[in-house]
């Protein structure tokens, strides 16, 4: 149990797509489960409101990076599950590599004197 949850963070442009792709890479998830997993992994620092999540899911679906399929949620409700496509996996790999290079470079600059 976390004594003090992390303060909430505003995501830089384009980061939400990367987080969604990463979250569904292991297994298909429905929208609420995607948002819950991101919040869980980030100790609550990243909260994705539905008004941001669902437009992002639809955008990724239109780009061919996610494939939806209807299923039943843990709450026994009909839910749209999103799975990573082959194109989505390639996009995730490219974006993850770029993200790692960027965060390394920014970290180096911030630590310089």
PDB file of N, CA and C in Angstrom:
ATOM      1  N   UNK A   1       0.837  -1.178   0.000  1.00  0.00           N
ATOM      2  CA  UNK A   1       0.000   0.000   0.000  1.00  0.00           C
ATOM      3  C   UNK A   1       0.883   1.242   0.000  1.00  0.00           C
ATOM      4  N   UNK A   2       0.545   2.188  -0.850  1.00  0.00           N
ATOM      5  CA  UNK A   2       1.330   3.406  -0.954  1.00  0.00           C
ATOM      6  C   UNK A   2       0.883   4.402   0.108  1.00  0.00           C
ATOM      7  N   UNK A   3       1.821   4.916   0.898  1.00  0.00           N
ATOM      8  CA  UNK A   3       1.506   5.892   1.937  1.00  0.00           C
ATOM      9  C   UNK A   3       1.003   7.180   1.292  1.00  0.00           C
ATOM     10  N   UNK A   4       1.734   7.694   0.344  1.00  0.00           N
ATOM     11  CA  UNK A   4       1.353   8.910  -0.372  1.00  0.00           C
ATOM     12  C   UNK A   4       1.314   8.611  -1.858  1.00  0.00           C
ATOM     13  N   UNK A   5       0.125   8.671  -2.477  1.00  0.00           N
ATOM     14  CA  UNK A   5       0.079   8.414  -3.909  1.00  0.00           C
ATOM     15  C   UNK A   5       0.859   9.497  -4.649  1.00  0.00           C
ATOM     16  N   UNK A   6       1.366   9.114  -5.807  1.00  0.00           N
ATOM     17  CA  UNK A   6       2.107  10.065  -6.633  1.00  0.00           C
ATOM     18  C   UNK A   6       1.169  11.186  -7.074  1.00  0.00           C
ATOM     19  N   UNK A   7       1.694  12.408  -7.198  1.00  0.00           N
ATOM     20  CA  UNK A   7       0.861  13.474  -7.751  1.00  0.00           C
ATOM     21  C   UNK A   7       0.504  13.144  -9.198  1.00  0.00           C
ATOM     22  N   UNK A   8      -0.663  13.566  -9.626  1.00  0.00           N
ATOM     23  CA  UNK A   8      -1.097  13.288 -10.997  1.00  0.00           C
ATOM     24  C   UNK A   8      -0.258  14.076 -11.979  1.00  0.00           C
ATOM     25  N   UNK A   9       0.015  13.464 -13.124  1.00  0.00           N
ATOM     26  CA  UNK A   9       0.852  14.067 -14.154  1.00  0.00           C
ATOM     27  C   UNK A   9       0.032  14.367 -15.398  1.00  0.00           C
ATOM     28  N   UNK A  10       0.368  15.449 -16.070  1.00  0.00           N
ATOM     29  CA  UNK A  10      -0.190  15.732 -17.388  1.00  0.00           C
ATOM     30  C   UNK A  10       0.713  15.070 -18.411  1.00  0.00           C
ATOM     31  N   UNK A  11       0.126  14.342 -19.337  1.00  0.00           N
ATOM     32  CA  UNK A  11       0.914  13.605 -20.328  1.00  0.00           C
ATOM     33  C   UNK A  11       1.309  14.504 -21.487  1.00  0.00           C
ATOM     34  N   UNK A  12       2.564  14.418 -21.933  1.00  0.00           N
ATOM     35  CA  UNK A  12       2.961  15.126 -23.157  1.00  0.00           C
ATOM     36  C   UNK A  12       2.168  14.592 -24.354  1.00  0.00           C
ATOM     37  N   UNK A  13       1.995  15.418 -25.361  1.00  0.00           N
ATOM     38  CA  UNK A  13       1.260  15.050 -26.575  1.00  0.00           C
ATOM     39  C   UNK A  13       1.789  13.732 -27.143  1.00  0.00           C
ATOM     40  N   UNK A  14       0.885  12.810 -27.482  1.00  0.00           N
ATOM     41  CA  UNK A  14       1.270  11.541 -28.094  1.00  0.00           C
ATOM     42  C   UNK A  14       1.590  10.425 -27.114  1.00  0.00           C
ATOM     43  N   UNK A  15       1.763  10.759 -25.845  1.00  0.00           N
ATOM     44  CA  UNK A  15       2.138   9.745 -24.859  1.00  0.00           C
ATOM     45  C   UNK A  15       0.994   8.781 -24.569  1.00  0.00           C
ATOM     46  N   UNK A  16      -0.237   9.263 -24.582  1.00  0.00           N
ATOM     47  CA  UNK A  16      -1.388   8.415 -24.293  1.00  0.00           C
ATOM     48  C   UNK A  16      -1.448   7.233 -25.261  1.00  0.00           C
ATOM     49  N   UNK A  17      -1.224   7.495 -26.553  1.00  0.00           N
ATOM     50  CA  UNK A  17      -1.252   6.404 -27.536  1.00  0.00           C
ATOM     51  C   UNK A  17      -0.230   5.332 -27.184  1.00  0.00           C
ATOM     52  N   UNK A  18       0.973   5.749 -26.832  1.00  0.00           N
ATOM     53  CA  UNK A  18       2.035   4.806 -26.465  1.00  0.00           C
ATOM     54  C   UNK A  18       1.622   3.983 -25.247  1.00  0.00           C
ATOM     55  N   UNK A  19       1.046   4.621 -24.239  1.00  0.00           N
ATOM     56  CA  UNK A  19       0.637   3.908 -23.027  1.00  0.00           C
ATOM     57  C   UNK A  19      -0.477   2.906 -23.312  1.00  0.00           C
ATOM     58  N   UNK A  20      -1.405   3.281 -24.168  1.00  0.00           N
ATOM     59  CA  UNK A  20      -2.494   2.362 -24.525  1.00  0.00           C
ATOM     60  C   UNK A  20      -1.926   1.150 -25.270  1.00  0.00           C
ATOM     61  N   UNK A  21      -1.077   1.398 -26.263  1.00  0.00           N
ATOM     62  CA  UNK A  21      -0.495   0.288 -27.024  1.00  0.00           C
ATOM     63  C   UNK A  21       0.274  -0.650 -26.103  1.00  0.00           C
ATOM     64  N   UNK A  22       1.042  -0.093 -25.184  1.00  0.00           N
ATOM     65  CA  UNK A  22       1.816  -0.910 -24.248  1.00  0.00           C
ATOM     66  C   UNK A  22       0.895  -1.724 -23.339  1.00  0.00           C
ATOM     67  N   UNK A  23      -0.196  -1.122 -22.899  1.00  0.00           N
ATOM     68  CA  UNK A  23      -1.104  -1.777 -21.963  1.00  0.00           C
ATOM     69  C   UNK A  23      -1.837  -2.960 -22.583  1.00  0.00           C
ATOM     70  N   UNK A  24      -2.139  -2.881 -23.874  1.00  0.00           N
ATOM     71  CA  UNK A  24      -2.845  -4.005 -24.522  1.00  0.00           C
ATOM     72  C   UNK A  24      -1.884  -4.975 -25.210  1.00  0.00           C
ATOM     73  N   UNK A  25      -0.577  -4.717 -25.135  1.00  0.00           N
ATOM     74  CA  UNK A  25       0.392  -5.586 -25.816  1.00  0.00           C
ATOM     75  C   UNK A  25       0.377  -7.007 -25.256  1.00  0.00           C
ATOM     76  N   UNK A  26       0.161  -7.140 -23.965  1.00  0.00           N
ATOM     77  CA  UNK A  26       0.192  -8.459 -23.332  1.00  0.00           C
ATOM     78  C   UNK A  26      -1.106  -9.229 -23.540  1.00  0.00           C
ATOM     79  N   UNK A  27      -2.227  -8.525 -23.435  1.00  0.00           N
ATOM     80  CA  UNK A  27      -3.535  -9.167 -23.606  1.00  0.00           C
ATOM     81  C   UNK A  27      -4.583  -8.117 -23.952  1.00  0.00           C
ATOM     82  N   UNK A  28      -5.647  -8.520 -24.665  1.00  0.00           N
ATOM     83  CA  UNK A  28      -6.712  -7.569 -24.962  1.00  0.00           C
ATOM     84  C   UNK A  28      -7.363  -7.066 -23.666  1.00  0.00           C
ATOM     85  N   UNK A  29      -7.743  -5.802 -23.664  1.00  0.00           N
ATOM     86  CA  UNK A  29      -8.407  -5.194 -22.499  1.00  0.00           C
ATOM     87  C   UNK A  29      -9.501  -4.261 -22.999  1.00  0.00           C
ATOM     88  N   UNK A  30     -10.520  -4.071 -22.164  1.00  0.00           N
ATOM     89  CA  UNK A  30     -11.551  -3.081 -22.480  1.00  0.00           C
ATOM     90  C   UNK A  30     -11.119  -1.733 -21.918  1.00  0.00           C
ATOM     91  N   UNK A  31     -11.808  -0.672 -22.336  1.00  0.00           N
ATOM     92  CA  UNK A  31     -11.405   0.684 -21.993  1.00  0.00           C
ATOM     93  C   UNK A  31     -11.152   0.931 -20.521  1.00  0.00           C
ATOM     94  N   UNK A  32     -12.111   0.573 -19.670  1.00  0.00           N
ATOM     95  CA  UNK A  32     -11.938   0.810 -18.225  1.00  0.00           C
ATOM     96  C   UNK A  32     -10.740   0.038 -17.681  1.00  0.00           C
ATOM     97  N   UNK A  33     -10.516  -1.175 -18.167  1.00  0.00           N
ATOM     98  CA  UNK A  33      -9.385  -1.984 -17.706  1.00  0.00           C
ATOM     99  C   UNK A  33      -8.057  -1.366 -18.155  1.00  0.00           C
ATOM    100  N   UNK A  34      -8.044  -0.733 -19.326  1.00  0.00           N
ATOM    101  CA  UNK A  34      -6.837  -0.047 -19.798  1.00  0.00           C
ATOM    102  C   UNK A  34      -6.517   1.116 -18.860  1.00  0.00           C
ATOM    103  N   UNK A  35      -7.523   1.947 -18.590  1.00  0.00           N
ATOM    104  CA  UNK A  35      -7.318   3.102 -17.703  1.00  0.00           C
ATOM    105  C   UNK A  35      -6.917   2.645 -16.306  1.00  0.00           C
ATOM    106  N   UNK A  36      -7.567   1.605 -15.796  1.00  0.00           N
ATOM    107  CA  UNK A  36      -7.241   1.096 -14.455  1.00  0.00           C
ATOM    108  C   UNK A  36      -5.809   0.571 -14.388  1.00  0.00           C
ATOM    109  N   UNK A  37      -5.362  -0.134 -15.428  1.00  0.00           N
ATOM    110  CA  UNK A  37      -4.012  -0.699 -15.437  1.00  0.00           C
ATOM    111  C   UNK A  37      -2.959   0.408 -15.481  1.00  0.00           C
ATOM    112  N   UNK A  38      -3.190   1.430 -16.281  1.00  0.00           N
ATOM    113  CA  UNK A  38      -2.258   2.557 -16.352  1.00  0.00           C
ATOM    114  C   UNK A  38      -2.170   3.246 -14.997  1.00  0.00           C
ATOM    115  N   UNK A  39      -3.310   3.468 -14.352  1.00  0.00           N
ATOM    116  CA  UNK A  39      -3.321   4.095 -13.027  1.00  0.00           C
ATOM    117  C   UNK A  39      -2.599   3.208 -12.015  1.00  0.00           C
ATOM    118  N   UNK A  40      -2.835   1.894 -12.086  1.00  0.00           N
ATOM    119  CA  UNK A  40      -2.213   0.957 -11.145  1.00  0.00           C
ATOM    120  C   UNK A  40      -0.694   0.954 -11.290  1.00  0.00           C
ATOM    121  N   UNK A  41      -0.205   0.821 -12.512  1.00  0.00           N
ATOM    122  CA  UNK A  41       1.238   0.758 -12.746  1.00  0.00           C
ATOM    123  C   UNK A  41       1.924   2.053 -12.342  1.00  0.00           C
ATOM    124  N   UNK A  42       1.247   3.192 -12.559  1.00  0.00           N
ATOM    125  CA  UNK A  42       1.848   4.494 -12.254  1.00  0.00           C
ATOM    126  C   UNK A  42       1.578   4.947 -10.822  1.00  0.00           C
ATOM    127  N   UNK A  43       1.065   4.054  -9.984  1.00  0.00           N
ATOM    128  CA  UNK A  43       0.726   4.385  -8.589  1.00  0.00           C
ATOM    129  C   UNK A  43      -0.211   5.585  -8.524  1.00  0.00           C
ATOM    130  N   UNK A  44      -1.120   5.678  -9.498  1.00  0.00           N
ATOM    131  CA  UNK A  44      -2.113   6.735  -9.500  1.00  0.00           C
ATOM    132  C   UNK A  44      -1.658   8.049 -10.105  1.00  0.00           C
ATOM    133  N   UNK A  45      -0.400   8.137 -10.528  1.00  0.00           N
ATOM    134  CA  UNK A  45       0.115   9.392 -11.085  1.00  0.00           C
ATOM    135  C   UNK A  45      -0.487   9.697 -12.457  1.00  0.00           C
ATOM    136  N   UNK A  46      -0.849   8.651 -13.204  1.00  0.00           N
ATOM    137  CA  UNK A  46      -1.446   8.844 -14.527  1.00  0.00           C
ATOM    138  C   UNK A  46      -2.886   8.344 -14.484  1.00  0.00           C
ATOM    139  N   UNK A  47      -3.808   9.277 -14.549  1.00  0.00           N
ATOM    140  CA  UNK A  47      -5.240   8.980 -14.571  1.00  0.00           C
ATOM    141  C   UNK A  47      -5.763   9.396 -15.943  1.00  0.00           C
ATOM    142  N   UNK A  48      -6.366   8.460 -16.660  1.00  0.00           N
ATOM    143  CA  UNK A  48      -6.869   8.747 -17.995  1.00  0.00           C
ATOM    144  C   UNK A  48      -8.390   8.904 -17.931  1.00  0.00           C
ATOM    145  N   UNK A  49      -8.893  10.126 -18.100  1.00  0.00           N
ATOM    146  CA  UNK A  49     -10.344  10.317 -18.074  1.00  0.00           C
ATOM    147  C   UNK A  49     -10.992   9.735 -19.332  1.00  0.00           C
ATOM    148  N   UNK A  50     -12.243   9.287 -19.217  1.00  0.00           N
ATOM    149  CA  UNK A  50     -12.931   8.714 -20.386  1.00  0.00           C
ATOM    150  C   UNK A  50     -12.940   9.646 -21.589  1.00  0.00           C
ATOM    151  N   UNK A  51     -13.018  10.954 -21.360  1.00  0.00           N
ATOM    152  CA  UNK A  51     -13.036  11.913 -22.459  1.00  0.00           C
ATOM    153  C   UNK A  51     -11.742  11.962 -23.250  1.00  0.00           C
ATOM    154  N   UNK A  52     -10.666  11.424 -22.700  1.00  0.00           N
ATOM    155  CA  UNK A  52      -9.390  11.310 -23.414  1.00  0.00           C
ATOM    156  C   UNK A  52      -9.170   9.885 -23.917  1.00  0.00           C
ATOM    157  N   UNK A  53      -9.563   8.904 -23.095  1.00  0.00           N
ATOM    158  CA  UNK A  53      -9.310   7.506 -23.413  1.00  0.00           C
ATOM    159  C   UNK A  53     -10.050   7.039 -24.661  1.00  0.00           C
ATOM    160  N   UNK A  54     -11.350   7.250 -24.705  1.00  0.00           N
ATOM    161  CA  UNK A  54     -12.135   6.670 -25.798  1.00  0.00           C
ATOM    162  C   UNK A  54     -11.829   7.297 -27.155  1.00  0.00           C
ATOM    163  N   UNK A  55     -11.624   8.608 -27.257  1.00  0.00           N
ATOM    164  CA  UNK A  55     -11.179   9.141 -28.558  1.00  0.00           C
ATOM    165  C   UNK A  55      -9.827   8.562 -28.980  1.00  0.00           C
ATOM    166  N   UNK A  56      -8.916   8.346 -28.031  1.00  0.00           N
ATOM    167  CA  UNK A  56      -7.615   7.754 -28.353  1.00  0.00           C
ATOM    168  C   UNK A  56      -7.797   6.314 -28.845  1.00  0.00           C
ATOM    169  N   UNK A  57      -8.639   5.532 -28.174  1.00  0.00           N
ATOM    170  CA  UNK A  57      -8.889   4.152 -28.614  1.00  0.00           C
ATOM    171  C   UNK A  57      -9.445   4.124 -30.029  1.00  0.00           C
ATOM    172  N   UNK A  58     -10.387   5.007 -30.328  1.00  0.00           N
ATOM    173  CA  UNK A  58     -10.980   5.042 -31.672  1.00  0.00           C
ATOM    174  C   UNK A  58      -9.945   5.489 -32.706  1.00  0.00           C
ATOM    175  N   UNK A  59      -9.092   6.438 -32.349  1.00  0.00           N
ATOM    176  CA  UNK A  59      -8.028   6.894 -33.258  1.00  0.00           C
ATOM    177  C   UNK A  59      -7.071   5.738 -33.568  1.00  0.00           C
ATOM    178  N   UNK A  60      -6.662   4.987 -32.541  1.00  0.00           N
ATOM    179  CA  UNK A  60      -5.739   3.858 -32.738  1.00  0.00           C
ATOM    180  C   UNK A  60      -6.396   2.751 -33.560  1.00  0.00           C
ATOM    181  N   UNK A  61      -7.686   2.588 -33.368  1.00  0.00           N
ATOM    182  CA  UNK A  61      -8.434   1.608 -34.164  1.00  0.00           C
ATOM    183  C   UNK A  61      -8.468   2.037 -35.633  1.00  0.00           C
ATOM    184  N   UNK A  62      -8.745   3.317 -35.898  1.00  0.00           N
ATOM    185  CA  UNK A  62      -8.777   3.825 -37.277  1.00  0.00           C
ATOM    186  C   UNK A  62      -7.418   3.675 -37.961  1.00  0.00           C
ATOM    187  N   UNK A  63      -6.336   3.826 -37.196  1.00  0.00           N
ATOM    188  CA  UNK A  63      -4.991   3.700 -37.762  1.00  0.00           C
ATOM    189  C   UNK A  63      -4.592   2.241 -37.992  1.00  0.00           C
ATOM    190  N   UNK A  64      -5.408   1.311 -37.532  1.00  0.00           N
ATOM    191  CA  UNK A  64      -5.123  -0.104 -37.724  1.00  0.00           C
ATOM    192  C   UNK A  64      -4.178  -0.681 -36.686  1.00  0.00           C
ATOM    193  N   UNK A  65      -3.972   0.030 -35.590  1.00  0.00           N
ATOM    194  CA  UNK A  65      -3.052  -0.427 -34.548  1.00  0.00           C
ATOM    195  C   UNK A  65      -3.758  -1.237 -33.464  1.00  0.00           C
ATOM    196  N   UNK A  66      -5.061  -1.062 -33.345  1.00  0.00           N
ATOM    197  CA  UNK A  66      -5.867  -1.839 -32.400  1.00  0.00           C
ATOM    198  C   UNK A  66      -7.011  -2.485 -33.151  1.00  0.00           C
ATOM    199  N   UNK A  67      -7.366  -3.697 -32.720  1.00  0.00           N
ATOM    200  CA  UNK A  67      -8.513  -4.394 -33.302  1.00  0.00           C
ATOM    201  C   UNK A  67      -9.517  -4.644 -32.178  1.00  0.00           C
ATOM    202  N   UNK A  68     -10.753  -4.135 -32.334  1.00  0.00           N
ATOM    203  CA  UNK A  68     -11.745  -4.342 -31.288  1.00  0.00           C
ATOM    204  C   UNK A  68     -12.499  -5.659 -31.458  1.00  0.00           C
ATOM    205  N   UNK A  69     -12.973  -6.165 -30.338  1.00  0.00           N
ATOM    206  CA  UNK A  69     -13.821  -7.365 -30.347  1.00  0.00           C
ATOM    207  C   UNK A  69     -14.729  -7.281 -29.124  1.00  0.00           C
ATOM    208  N   UNK A  70     -15.989  -7.583 -29.322  1.00  0.00           N
ATOM    209  CA  UNK A  70     -16.924  -7.539 -28.200  1.00  0.00           C
ATOM    210  C   UNK A  70     -16.747  -8.753 -27.302  1.00  0.00           C
ATOM    211  N   UNK A  71     -16.836  -8.518 -26.006  1.00  0.00           N
ATOM    212  CA  UNK A  71     -16.723  -9.590 -25.028  1.00  0.00           C
ATOM    213  C   UNK A  71     -17.478  -9.202 -23.764  1.00  0.00           C
ATOM    214  N   UNK A  72     -17.283  -9.975 -22.708  1.00  0.00           N
ATOM    215  CA  UNK A  72     -17.947  -9.729 -21.427  1.00  0.00           C
ATOM    216  C   UNK A  72     -16.909  -9.310 -20.399  1.00  0.00           C
ATOM    217  N   UNK A  73     -17.162  -8.196 -19.731  1.00  0.00           N
ATOM    218  CA  UNK A  73     -16.225  -7.671 -18.737  1.00  0.00           C
ATOM    219  C   UNK A  73     -16.309  -8.448 -17.433  1.00  0.00           C
ATOM    220  N   UNK A  74     -15.402  -8.091 -16.504  1.00  0.00           N
ATOM    221  CA  UNK A  74     -15.394  -8.716 -15.181  1.00  0.00           C
ATOM    222  C   UNK A  74     -16.712  -8.471 -14.451  1.00  0.00           C
ATOM    223  N   UNK A  75     -17.369  -7.358 -14.772  1.00  0.00           N
ATOM    224  CA  UNK A  75     -18.649  -7.010 -14.144  1.00  0.00           C
ATOM    225  C   UNK A  75     -19.828  -7.657 -14.888  1.00  0.00           C
ATOM    226  N   UNK A  76     -19.522  -8.598 -15.788  1.00  0.00           N
ATOM    227  CA  UNK A  76     -20.532  -9.329 -16.553  1.00  0.00           C
ATOM    228  C   UNK A  76     -21.345  -8.399 -17.469  1.00  0.00           C
ATOM    229  N   UNK A  77     -20.657  -7.391 -18.017  1.00  0.00           N
ATOM    230  CA  UNK A  77     -21.298  -6.460 -18.950  1.00  0.00           C
ATOM    231  C   UNK A  77     -20.627  -6.587 -20.305  1.00  0.00           C
ATOM    232  N   UNK A  78     -21.392  -6.273 -21.351  1.00  0.00           N
ATOM    233  CA  UNK A  78     -20.842  -6.276 -22.700  1.00  0.00           C
ATOM    234  C   UNK A  78     -19.812  -5.153 -22.797  1.00  0.00           C
ATOM    235  N   UNK A  79     -18.627  -5.469 -23.318  1.00  0.00           N
ATOM    236  CA  UNK A  79     -17.564  -4.474 -23.425  1.00  0.00           C
ATOM    237  C   UNK A  79     -16.755  -4.721 -24.692  1.00  0.00           C
ATOM    238  N   UNK A  80     -16.222  -3.637 -25.255  1.00  0.00           N
ATOM    239  CA  UNK A  80     -15.357  -3.737 -26.427  1.00  0.00           C
ATOM    240  C   UNK A  80     -13.922  -3.910 -25.942  1.00  0.00           C
ATOM    241  N   UNK A  81     -13.324  -5.038 -26.292  1.00  0.00           N
ATOM    242  CA  UNK A  81     -11.940  -5.340 -25.938  1.00  0.00           C
ATOM    243  C   UNK A  81     -11.042  -4.944 -27.110  1.00  0.00           C
ATOM    244  N   UNK A  82      -9.892  -4.383 -26.789  1.00  0.00           N
ATOM    245  CA  UNK A  82      -8.949  -3.944 -27.812  1.00  0.00           C
ATOM    246  C   UNK A  82      -7.691  -4.809 -27.757  1.00  0.00           C
ATOM    247  N   UNK A  83      -7.293  -5.305 -28.919  1.00  0.00           N
ATOM    248  CA  UNK A  83      -6.075  -6.117 -29.036  1.00  0.00           C
ATOM    249  C   UNK A  83      -5.118  -5.409 -29.980  1.00  0.00           C
ATOM    250  N   UNK A  84      -3.840  -5.601 -29.754  1.00  0.00           N
ATOM    251  CA  UNK A  84      -2.801  -5.024 -30.592  1.00  0.00           C
ATOM    252  C   UNK A  84      -2.728  -5.791 -31.908  1.00  0.00           C
ATOM    253  N   UNK A  85      -2.682  -5.076 -33.020  1.00  0.00           N
ATOM    254  CA  UNK A  85      -2.492  -5.709 -34.328  1.00  0.00           C
ATOM    255  C   UNK A  85      -0.989  -5.808 -34.600  1.00  0.00           C
ATOM    256  N   UNK A  86      -0.626  -6.479 -35.685  1.00  0.00           N
ATOM    257  CA  UNK A  86       0.798  -6.553 -36.062  1.00  0.00           C
ATOM    258  C   UNK A  86       1.333  -5.150 -36.330  1.00  0.00           C
ATOM    259  N   UNK A  87       0.548  -4.319 -37.003  1.00  0.00           N
ATOM    260  CA  UNK A  87       0.964  -2.934 -37.262  1.00  0.00           C
ATOM    261  C   UNK A  87       1.082  -2.162 -35.948  1.00  0.00           C
ATOM    262  N   UNK A  88       0.190  -2.435 -35.014  1.00  0.00           N
ATOM    263  CA  UNK A  88       0.246  -1.793 -33.703  1.00  0.00           C
ATOM    264  C   UNK A  88       1.481  -2.195 -32.929  1.00  0.00           C
ATOM    265  N   UNK A  89       1.873  -3.451 -33.055  1.00  0.00           N
ATOM    266  CA  UNK A  89       3.090  -3.924 -32.370  1.00  0.00           C
ATOM    267  C   UNK A  89       4.326  -3.232 -32.949  1.00  0.00           C
ATOM    268  N   UNK A  90       4.366  -3.073 -34.270  1.00  0.00           N
ATOM    269  CA  UNK A  90       5.488  -2.363 -34.898  1.00  0.00           C
ATOM    270  C   UNK A  90       5.514  -0.901 -34.439  1.00  0.00           C
ATOM    271  N   UNK A  91       4.353  -0.281 -34.368  1.00  0.00           N
ATOM    272  CA  UNK A  91       4.263   1.101 -33.925  1.00  0.00           C
ATOM    273  C   UNK A  91       4.717   1.227 -32.475  1.00  0.00           C
ATOM    274  N   UNK A  92       4.290   0.302 -31.622  1.00  0.00           N
ATOM    275  CA  UNK A  92       4.703   0.307 -30.217  1.00  0.00           C
ATOM    276  C   UNK A  92       6.224   0.212 -30.108  1.00  0.00           C
ATOM    277  N   UNK A  93       6.830  -0.690 -30.853  1.00  0.00           N
ATOM    278  CA  UNK A  93       8.291  -0.842 -30.803  1.00  0.00           C
ATOM    279  C   UNK A  93       8.991   0.438 -31.238  1.00  0.00           C
ATOM    280  N   UNK A  94       8.495   1.058 -32.310  1.00  0.00           N
ATOM    281  CA  UNK A  94       9.115   2.296 -32.808  1.00  0.00           C
ATOM    282  C   UNK A  94       8.953   3.425 -31.787  1.00  0.00           C
ATOM    283  N   UNK A  95       7.738   3.595 -31.269  1.00  0.00           N
ATOM    284  CA  UNK A  95       7.484   4.680 -30.317  1.00  0.00           C
ATOM    285  C   UNK A  95       8.204   4.453 -28.994  1.00  0.00           C
ATOM    286  N   UNK A  96       8.270   3.204 -28.542  1.00  0.00           N
ATOM    287  CA  UNK A  96       8.951   2.913 -27.281  1.00  0.00           C
ATOM    288  C   UNK A  96      10.440   3.237 -27.399  1.00  0.00           C
ATOM    289  N   UNK A  97      11.047   2.898 -28.536  1.00  0.00           N
ATOM    290  CA  UNK A  97      12.459   3.215 -28.756  1.00  0.00           C
ATOM    291  C   UNK A  97      12.692   4.717 -28.782  1.00  0.00           C
ATOM    292  N   UNK A  98      11.823   5.436 -29.470  1.00  0.00           N
ATOM    293  CA  UNK A  98      11.949   6.898 -29.538  1.00  0.00           C
ATOM    294  C   UNK A  98      11.750   7.507 -28.153  1.00  0.00           C
ATOM    295  N   UNK A  99      10.788   6.979 -27.388  1.00  0.00           N
ATOM    296  CA  UNK A  99      10.523   7.490 -26.036  1.00  0.00           C
ATOM    297  C   UNK A  99      11.743   7.292 -25.132  1.00  0.00           C
ATOM    298  N   UNK A 100      12.348   6.118 -25.204  1.00  0.00           N
ATOM    299  CA  UNK A 100      13.535   5.842 -24.380  1.00  0.00           C
ATOM    300  C   UNK A 100      14.680   6.781 -24.729  1.00  0.00           C
ATOM    301  N   UNK A 101      14.904   7.025 -26.025  1.00  0.00           N
ATOM    302  CA  UNK A 101      15.969   7.945 -26.438  1.00  0.00           C
ATOM    303  C   UNK A 101      15.673   9.361 -25.964  1.00  0.00           C
ATOM    304  N   UNK A 102      14.421   9.797 -26.101  1.00  0.00           N
ATOM    305  CA  UNK A 102      14.040  11.145 -25.682  1.00  0.00           C
ATOM    306  C   UNK A 102      14.196  11.325 -24.177  1.00  0.00           C
ATOM    307  N   UNK A 103      13.680  10.371 -23.381  1.00  0.00           N
ATOM    308  CA  UNK A 103      13.764  10.522 -21.924  1.00  0.00           C
ATOM    309  C   UNK A 103      15.213  10.462 -21.454  1.00  0.00           C
ATOM    310  N   UNK A 104      16.050   9.664 -22.116  1.00  0.00           N
ATOM    311  CA  UNK A 104      17.472   9.640 -21.772  1.00  0.00           C
ATOM    312  C   UNK A 104      18.088  11.011 -22.049  1.00  0.00           C
ATOM    313  N   UNK A 105      17.813  11.562 -23.248  1.00  0.00           N
ATOM    314  CA  UNK A 105      18.407  12.842 -23.634  1.00  0.00           C
ATOM    315  C   UNK A 105      17.940  13.970 -22.712  1.00  0.00           C
ATOM    316  N   UNK A 106      16.651  14.012 -22.394  1.00  0.00           N
ATOM    317  CA  UNK A 106      16.135  15.041 -21.495  1.00  0.00           C
ATOM    318  C   UNK A 106      16.762  14.880 -20.109  1.00  0.00           C
ATOM    319  N   UNK A 107      16.889  13.643 -19.645  1.00  0.00           N
ATOM    320  CA  UNK A 107      17.522  13.386 -18.352  1.00  0.00           C
ATOM    321  C   UNK A 107      18.960  13.878 -18.322  1.00  0.00           C
ATOM    322  N   UNK A 108      19.692  13.629 -19.388  1.00  0.00           N
ATOM    323  CA  UNK A 108      21.079  14.095 -19.474  1.00  0.00           C
ATOM    324  C   UNK A 108      21.146  15.610 -19.422  1.00  0.00           C
ATOM    325  N   UNK A 109      20.272  16.275 -20.159  1.00  0.00           N
ATOM    326  CA  UNK A 109      20.261  17.734 -20.174  1.00  0.00           C
ATOM    327  C   UNK A 109      19.905  18.290 -18.799  1.00  0.00           C
ATOM    328  N   UNK A 110      18.919  17.686 -18.145  1.00  0.00           N
ATOM    329  CA  UNK A 110      18.481  18.168 -16.832  1.00  0.00           C
ATOM    330  C   UNK A 110      19.556  17.965 -15.770  1.00  0.00           C
ATOM    331  N   UNK A 111      20.408  16.967 -15.927  1.00  0.00           N
ATOM    332  CA  UNK A 111      21.464  16.692 -14.954  1.00  0.00           C
ATOM    333  C   UNK A 111      22.742  17.467 -15.216  1.00  0.00           C
ATOM    334  N   UNK A 112      22.815  18.126 -16.383  1.00  0.00           N
ATOM    335  CA  UNK A 112      24.051  18.850 -16.728  1.00  0.00           C
ATOM    336  C   UNK A 112      24.157  20.155 -15.937  1.00  0.00           C
ATOM    337  N   UNK A 113      25.368  20.654 -15.814  1.00  0.00           N
ATOM    338  CA  UNK A 113      25.617  21.918 -15.098  1.00  0.00           C
ATOM    339  C   UNK A 113      25.984  23.017 -16.065  1.00  0.00           C
TER     340      UNK A 113
END
